[in-house]
Amino acid sequence: MTKTILVAEDSASVRKFITLALKIKGYRVIATEDGMEALEKLPTEKIDLLLTDLNMPNVDGLKLIRTVRQDKEYAELPIIILSSLSKDEDINEGLNAGANSYLIKPFNTKRIQYEVAKYLGGDDADIL
């Protein structure tokens, strides 16, 4: 069964890059421009993993993560942050909000595929 990944990323080019990297591996990707749009999509789809940026308009990544984690239905949903914020306090804040992993931009295709496979299974979980 195809796994579905919800991507919240305000940069169109980064969103496209992530979408292509995941579709190559057979994942279904729902791409949104910000946390608000992601929150609107969440109850309408069966989501297996959430990938989010932190700096986004309307609802930022931290608020998105905290909102998702407040819903018991999504308590176990894997969440990966993709952000250009690289200070220890930013990483700690993201993980404390409820993210499972934190990737710093720029990142490469293999790293995204590896992180996703870690949570959803697949061949890429073994290599990096």
N, C-alpha and C. Protein backbone atom coordinates (compact mmCIF):
# COMPACT_ATOMS: atom_id res chain seq x y z
N MET A 1 0.84 -1.19 0.00
CA MET A 1 0.00 0.00 0.00
C MET A 1 0.88 1.25 0.00
N THR A 2 0.54 2.20 -0.83
CA THR A 2 1.31 3.42 -0.96
C THR A 2 1.17 4.30 0.28
N LYS A 3 2.30 4.75 0.79
CA LYS A 3 2.31 5.64 1.95
C LYS A 3 2.15 7.09 1.47
N THR A 4 1.43 7.89 2.26
CA THR A 4 1.17 9.27 1.90
C THR A 4 1.92 10.21 2.84
N ILE A 5 2.61 11.17 2.23
CA ILE A 5 3.39 12.15 2.98
C ILE A 5 2.80 13.53 2.73
N LEU A 6 2.53 14.23 3.82
CA LEU A 6 2.06 15.61 3.76
C LEU A 6 3.26 16.52 3.92
N VAL A 7 3.48 17.40 2.94
CA VAL A 7 4.61 18.33 2.96
C VAL A 7 4.09 19.75 3.13
N ALA A 8 4.61 20.44 4.15
CA ALA A 8 4.28 21.86 4.37
C ALA A 8 5.56 22.66 4.16
N GLU A 9 5.62 23.39 3.07
CA GLU A 9 6.82 24.14 2.69
C GLU A 9 6.41 25.32 1.83
N ASP A 10 6.78 26.54 2.25
CA ASP A 10 6.34 27.73 1.53
C ASP A 10 7.14 28.02 0.26
N SER A 11 8.34 27.48 0.13
CA SER A 11 9.15 27.70 -1.06
C SER A 11 8.73 26.72 -2.16
N ALA A 12 8.26 27.26 -3.29
CA ALA A 12 7.79 26.42 -4.38
C ALA A 12 8.90 25.51 -4.90
N SER A 13 10.13 26.01 -5.01
CA SER A 13 11.22 25.20 -5.54
C SER A 13 11.59 24.07 -4.58
N VAL A 14 11.63 24.35 -3.29
CA VAL A 14 11.95 23.31 -2.31
C VAL A 14 10.81 22.29 -2.26
N ARG A 15 9.58 22.76 -2.32
CA ARG A 15 8.41 21.88 -2.32
C ARG A 15 8.49 20.91 -3.51
N LYS A 16 8.85 21.43 -4.67
CA LYS A 16 8.95 20.61 -5.88
C LYS A 16 10.08 19.59 -5.73
N PHE A 17 11.22 20.02 -5.20
CA PHE A 17 12.37 19.14 -4.99
C PHE A 17 12.00 17.98 -4.06
N ILE A 18 11.37 18.30 -2.94
CA ILE A 18 10.97 17.27 -1.97
C ILE A 18 9.96 16.32 -2.60
N THR A 19 8.98 16.87 -3.30
CA THR A 19 7.94 16.06 -3.93
C THR A 19 8.56 15.06 -4.91
N LEU A 20 9.47 15.53 -5.75
CA LEU A 20 10.11 14.64 -6.73
C LEU A 20 10.95 13.58 -6.03
N ALA A 21 11.70 13.96 -5.00
CA ALA A 21 12.56 13.02 -4.28
C ALA A 21 11.73 11.90 -3.66
N LEU A 22 10.53 12.21 -3.20
CA LEU A 22 9.68 11.21 -2.56
C LEU A 22 8.87 10.39 -3.56
N LYS A 23 8.41 11.04 -4.63
CA LYS A 23 7.63 10.32 -5.64
C LYS A 23 8.50 9.27 -6.34
N ILE A 24 9.79 9.57 -6.52
CA ILE A 24 10.72 8.62 -7.13
C ILE A 24 10.72 7.30 -6.35
N LYS A 25 10.54 7.41 -5.03
CA LYS A 25 10.54 6.23 -4.15
C LYS A 25 9.15 5.62 -3.98
N GLY A 26 8.18 6.14 -4.72
CA GLY A 26 6.86 5.53 -4.72
C GLY A 26 5.88 6.07 -3.69
N TYR A 27 6.27 7.14 -3.01
CA TYR A 27 5.35 7.73 -2.03
C TYR A 27 4.35 8.64 -2.72
N ARG A 28 3.18 8.75 -2.13
CA ARG A 28 2.18 9.73 -2.58
C ARG A 28 2.46 11.00 -1.77
N VAL A 29 2.53 12.14 -2.44
CA VAL A 29 2.87 13.39 -1.78
C VAL A 29 1.73 14.39 -1.93
N ILE A 30 1.34 14.97 -0.79
CA ILE A 30 0.39 16.07 -0.80
C ILE A 30 1.19 17.29 -0.35
N ALA A 31 1.39 18.23 -1.26
CA ALA A 31 2.22 19.40 -0.98
C ALA A 31 1.35 20.61 -0.64
N THR A 32 1.69 21.28 0.46
CA THR A 32 0.97 22.47 0.89
C THR A 32 1.95 23.61 1.08
N GLU A 33 1.42 24.85 1.02
CA GLU A 33 2.28 26.03 1.07
C GLU A 33 2.55 26.54 2.47
N ASP A 34 1.77 26.09 3.45
CA ASP A 34 2.00 26.55 4.83
C ASP A 34 1.28 25.63 5.81
N GLY A 35 1.47 25.90 7.09
CA GLY A 35 0.86 25.07 8.12
C GLY A 35 -0.65 25.10 8.11
N MET A 36 -1.23 26.24 7.76
CA MET A 36 -2.68 26.37 7.70
C MET A 36 -3.26 25.39 6.67
N GLU A 37 -2.68 25.40 5.49
CA GLU A 37 -3.15 24.50 4.43
C GLU A 37 -2.93 23.04 4.83
N ALA A 38 -1.81 22.75 5.50
CA ALA A 38 -1.54 21.38 5.96
C ALA A 38 -2.60 20.93 6.96
N LEU A 39 -2.96 21.82 7.89
CA LEU A 39 -3.98 21.48 8.89
C LEU A 39 -5.34 21.23 8.24
N GLU A 40 -5.61 21.93 7.14
CA GLU A 40 -6.86 21.72 6.41
C GLU A 40 -6.87 20.37 5.70
N LYS A 41 -5.72 19.93 5.21
CA LYS A 41 -5.62 18.66 4.47
C LYS A 41 -5.63 17.44 5.41
N LEU A 42 -5.04 17.61 6.58
CA LEU A 42 -4.84 16.48 7.49
C LEU A 42 -6.08 15.63 7.74
N PRO A 43 -7.23 16.22 8.09
CA PRO A 43 -8.40 15.37 8.36
C PRO A 43 -9.04 14.77 7.11
N THR A 44 -8.65 15.23 5.93
CA THR A 44 -9.29 14.75 4.70
C THR A 44 -8.53 13.60 4.05
N GLU A 45 -7.35 13.30 4.54
CA GLU A 45 -6.49 12.28 3.93
C GLU A 45 -5.92 11.37 5.01
N LYS A 46 -5.52 10.15 4.63
CA LYS A 46 -4.79 9.29 5.56
C LYS A 46 -3.31 9.61 5.37
N ILE A 47 -2.74 10.30 6.34
CA ILE A 47 -1.35 10.75 6.26
C ILE A 47 -0.47 9.80 7.07
N ASP A 48 0.64 9.38 6.47
CA ASP A 48 1.57 8.47 7.14
C ASP A 48 2.79 9.18 7.72
N LEU A 49 3.07 10.40 7.22
CA LEU A 49 4.22 11.16 7.70
C LEU A 49 4.03 12.62 7.32
N LEU A 50 4.48 13.51 8.20
CA LEU A 50 4.43 14.95 7.94
C LEU A 50 5.84 15.50 7.85
N LEU A 51 6.12 16.21 6.77
CA LEU A 51 7.39 16.90 6.57
C LEU A 51 7.08 18.39 6.59
N THR A 52 7.74 19.16 7.46
CA THR A 52 7.40 20.58 7.54
C THR A 52 8.62 21.48 7.67
N ASP A 53 8.51 22.63 7.04
CA ASP A 53 9.45 23.71 7.25
C ASP A 53 9.04 24.39 8.55
N LEU A 54 9.90 25.24 9.11
CA LEU A 54 9.51 26.00 10.30
C LEU A 54 9.03 27.39 9.96
N ASN A 55 9.79 28.10 9.11
CA ASN A 55 9.43 29.48 8.76
C ASN A 55 8.46 29.50 7.59
N MET A 56 7.17 29.66 7.92
CA MET A 56 6.13 29.72 6.90
C MET A 56 5.11 30.77 7.31
N PRO A 57 4.41 31.35 6.32
CA PRO A 57 3.36 32.31 6.67
C PRO A 57 2.14 31.62 7.28
N ASN A 58 1.23 32.40 7.82
CA ASN A 58 -0.03 31.94 8.41
C ASN A 58 0.19 31.08 9.65
N VAL A 59 0.47 29.81 9.48
CA VAL A 59 0.78 28.91 10.60
C VAL A 59 2.18 28.36 10.36
N ASP A 60 3.11 28.70 11.27
CA ASP A 60 4.49 28.22 11.09
C ASP A 60 4.61 26.75 11.48
N GLY A 61 5.78 26.19 11.25
CA GLY A 61 6.00 24.77 11.49
C GLY A 61 5.84 24.36 12.94
N LEU A 62 6.31 25.17 13.87
CA LEU A 62 6.18 24.82 15.29
C LEU A 62 4.72 24.76 15.72
N LYS A 63 3.94 25.75 15.28
CA LYS A 63 2.52 25.75 15.63
C LYS A 63 1.82 24.56 14.97
N LEU A 64 2.21 24.24 13.74
CA LEU A 64 1.65 23.09 13.03
C LEU A 64 1.92 21.81 13.83
N ILE A 65 3.17 21.61 14.24
CA ILE A 65 3.55 20.41 14.99
C ILE A 65 2.78 20.33 16.30
N ARG A 66 2.75 21.44 17.04
CA ARG A 66 2.05 21.44 18.33
C ARG A 66 0.55 21.15 18.16
N THR A 67 -0.04 21.70 17.12
CA THR A 67 -1.47 21.48 16.86
C THR A 67 -1.72 20.01 16.52
N VAL A 68 -0.87 19.46 15.67
CA VAL A 68 -1.01 18.05 15.28
C VAL A 68 -0.85 17.15 16.51
N ARG A 69 0.13 17.44 17.34
CA ARG A 69 0.40 16.60 18.51
C ARG A 69 -0.71 16.68 19.57
N GLN A 70 -1.52 17.74 19.55
CA GLN A 70 -2.64 17.85 20.50
C GLN A 70 -3.78 16.90 20.16
N ASP A 71 -3.80 16.40 18.93
CA ASP A 71 -4.86 15.50 18.48
C ASP A 71 -4.39 14.06 18.70
N LYS A 72 -5.10 13.32 19.53
CA LYS A 72 -4.72 11.94 19.86
C LYS A 72 -4.58 11.06 18.61
N GLU A 73 -5.36 11.36 17.60
CA GLU A 73 -5.32 10.57 16.37
C GLU A 73 -3.94 10.62 15.71
N TYR A 74 -3.21 11.71 15.93
CA TYR A 74 -1.91 11.88 15.28
C TYR A 74 -0.74 11.79 16.27
N ALA A 75 -0.98 11.19 17.42
CA ALA A 75 0.06 11.09 18.46
C ALA A 75 1.30 10.33 17.96
N GLU A 76 1.08 9.36 17.09
CA GLU A 76 2.19 8.53 16.60
C GLU A 76 2.66 8.92 15.19
N LEU A 77 2.07 9.95 14.62
CA LEU A 77 2.44 10.38 13.26
C LEU A 77 3.89 10.85 13.24
N PRO A 78 4.74 10.24 12.41
CA PRO A 78 6.13 10.72 12.32
C PRO A 78 6.15 12.12 11.70
N ILE A 79 6.94 13.01 12.32
CA ILE A 79 7.08 14.38 11.83
C ILE A 79 8.56 14.68 11.65
N ILE A 80 8.90 15.17 10.45
CA ILE A 80 10.27 15.56 10.14
C ILE A 80 10.28 17.04 9.81
N ILE A 81 11.17 17.77 10.47
CA ILE A 81 11.36 19.20 10.18
C ILE A 81 12.47 19.33 9.16
N LEU A 82 12.25 20.20 8.16
CA LEU A 82 13.27 20.61 7.19
C LEU A 82 13.41 22.11 7.33
N SER A 83 14.52 22.58 7.84
CA SER A 83 14.62 24.01 8.11
C SER A 83 16.03 24.53 7.88
N SER A 84 16.13 25.81 7.58
CA SER A 84 17.44 26.46 7.47
C SER A 84 17.93 26.92 8.84
N LEU A 85 17.05 26.87 9.85
CA LEU A 85 17.45 27.22 11.21
C LEU A 85 18.31 26.10 11.77
N SER A 86 19.56 26.44 12.11
CA SER A 86 20.50 25.37 12.47
C SER A 86 21.09 25.50 13.87
N LYS A 87 20.62 26.48 14.64
CA LYS A 87 21.14 26.63 16.01
C LYS A 87 20.58 25.51 16.88
N ASP A 88 21.36 25.13 17.90
CA ASP A 88 20.92 24.07 18.82
C ASP A 88 19.56 24.37 19.42
N GLU A 89 19.32 25.64 19.78
CA GLU A 89 18.04 25.97 20.40
C GLU A 89 16.87 25.80 19.44
N ASP A 90 17.11 26.06 18.13
CA ASP A 90 16.06 25.84 17.13
C ASP A 90 15.75 24.35 17.00
N ILE A 91 16.80 23.55 16.94
CA ILE A 91 16.63 22.10 16.82
C ILE A 91 15.91 21.56 18.05
N ASN A 92 16.36 21.97 19.23
CA ASN A 92 15.73 21.51 20.47
C ASN A 92 14.26 21.92 20.54
N GLU A 93 13.97 23.16 20.12
CA GLU A 93 12.59 23.63 20.15
C GLU A 93 11.71 22.79 19.22
N GLY A 94 12.23 22.47 18.05
CA GLY A 94 11.48 21.64 17.10
C GLY A 94 11.23 20.24 17.62
N LEU A 95 12.25 19.64 18.20
CA LEU A 95 12.10 18.29 18.73
C LEU A 95 11.20 18.29 19.97
N ASN A 96 11.33 19.31 20.80
CA ASN A 96 10.48 19.41 21.99
C ASN A 96 9.01 19.66 21.63
N ALA A 97 8.78 20.29 20.48
CA ALA A 97 7.40 20.54 20.02
C ALA A 97 6.73 19.24 19.60
N GLY A 98 7.56 18.22 19.29
CA GLY A 98 6.99 16.93 18.91
C GLY A 98 7.51 16.32 17.63
N ALA A 99 8.51 16.96 17.00
CA ALA A 99 9.08 16.39 15.78
C ALA A 99 9.94 15.17 16.13
N ASN A 100 10.02 14.24 15.19
CA ASN A 100 10.84 13.04 15.38
C ASN A 100 12.26 13.24 14.85
N SER A 101 12.40 14.04 13.80
CA SER A 101 13.70 14.30 13.18
C SER A 101 13.79 15.76 12.76
N TYR A 102 15.03 16.23 12.62
CA TYR A 102 15.26 17.62 12.23
C TYR A 102 16.37 17.63 11.19
N LEU A 103 16.05 18.02 9.96
CA LEU A 103 17.04 18.12 8.89
C LEU A 103 17.30 19.59 8.59
N ILE A 104 18.56 19.92 8.40
CA ILE A 104 18.94 21.30 8.13
C ILE A 104 19.15 21.49 6.63
N LYS A 105 18.56 22.57 6.10
CA LYS A 105 18.76 22.94 4.69
C LYS A 105 20.15 23.55 4.55
N PRO A 106 20.82 23.39 3.42
CA PRO A 106 20.40 22.55 2.28
C PRO A 106 20.57 21.07 2.61
N PHE A 107 19.78 20.26 1.97
CA PHE A 107 19.82 18.82 2.18
C PHE A 107 19.79 18.16 0.82
N ASN A 108 20.15 16.88 0.77
CA ASN A 108 20.12 16.21 -0.53
C ASN A 108 19.02 15.16 -0.58
N THR A 109 18.75 14.69 -1.76
CA THR A 109 17.68 13.74 -2.02
C THR A 109 17.82 12.49 -1.15
N LYS A 110 19.03 11.93 -1.11
CA LYS A 110 19.25 10.69 -0.35
C LYS A 110 18.93 10.87 1.13
N ARG A 111 19.26 12.03 1.68
CA ARG A 111 19.02 12.26 3.11
C ARG A 111 17.52 12.29 3.41
N ILE A 112 16.76 12.95 2.55
CA ILE A 112 15.30 12.99 2.73
C ILE A 112 14.73 11.58 2.61
N GLN A 113 15.16 10.86 1.57
CA GLN A 113 14.65 9.51 1.35
C GLN A 113 15.00 8.60 2.53
N TYR A 114 16.20 8.75 3.06
CA TYR A 114 16.64 7.95 4.21
C TYR A 114 15.77 8.24 5.44
N GLU A 115 15.58 9.52 5.74
CA GLU A 115 14.80 9.90 6.93
C GLU A 115 13.36 9.39 6.83
N VAL A 116 12.77 9.53 5.66
CA VAL A 116 11.39 9.07 5.46
C VAL A 116 11.33 7.55 5.60
N ALA A 117 12.27 6.85 4.99
CA ALA A 117 12.29 5.39 5.04
C ALA A 117 12.48 4.87 6.47
N LYS A 118 13.18 5.65 7.29
CA LYS A 118 13.37 5.27 8.69
C LYS A 118 12.03 5.09 9.41
N TYR A 119 11.07 5.93 9.06
CA TYR A 119 9.76 5.89 9.71
C TYR A 119 8.73 5.06 8.96
N LEU A 120 8.86 5.00 7.65
CA LEU A 120 7.83 4.31 6.85
C LEU A 120 8.30 2.98 6.30
N GLY A 121 9.55 2.63 6.54
CA GLY A 121 10.10 1.40 6.02
C GLY A 121 10.55 1.59 4.59
N GLY A 122 11.33 0.67 4.11
CA GLY A 122 11.81 0.76 2.73
C GLY A 122 13.30 0.54 2.67
N ASP A 123 13.79 0.36 1.45
CA ASP A 123 15.19 0.03 1.22
C ASP A 123 16.15 1.11 1.70
N ASP A 124 15.74 2.37 1.60
CA ASP A 124 16.63 3.47 1.92
C ASP A 124 16.93 3.60 3.40
N ALA A 125 16.20 2.90 4.25
CA ALA A 125 16.44 3.00 5.69
C ALA A 125 17.79 2.40 6.07
N ASP A 126 18.35 1.60 5.18
CA ASP A 126 19.62 0.93 5.48
C ASP A 126 20.84 1.66 4.97
N ILE A 127 20.66 2.61 4.08
CA ILE A 127 21.82 3.22 3.44
C ILE A 127 21.84 4.73 3.62
N LEU A 128 23.01 5.23 3.78
CA LEU A 128 23.22 6.68 3.77
C LEU A 128 24.70 6.93 3.68
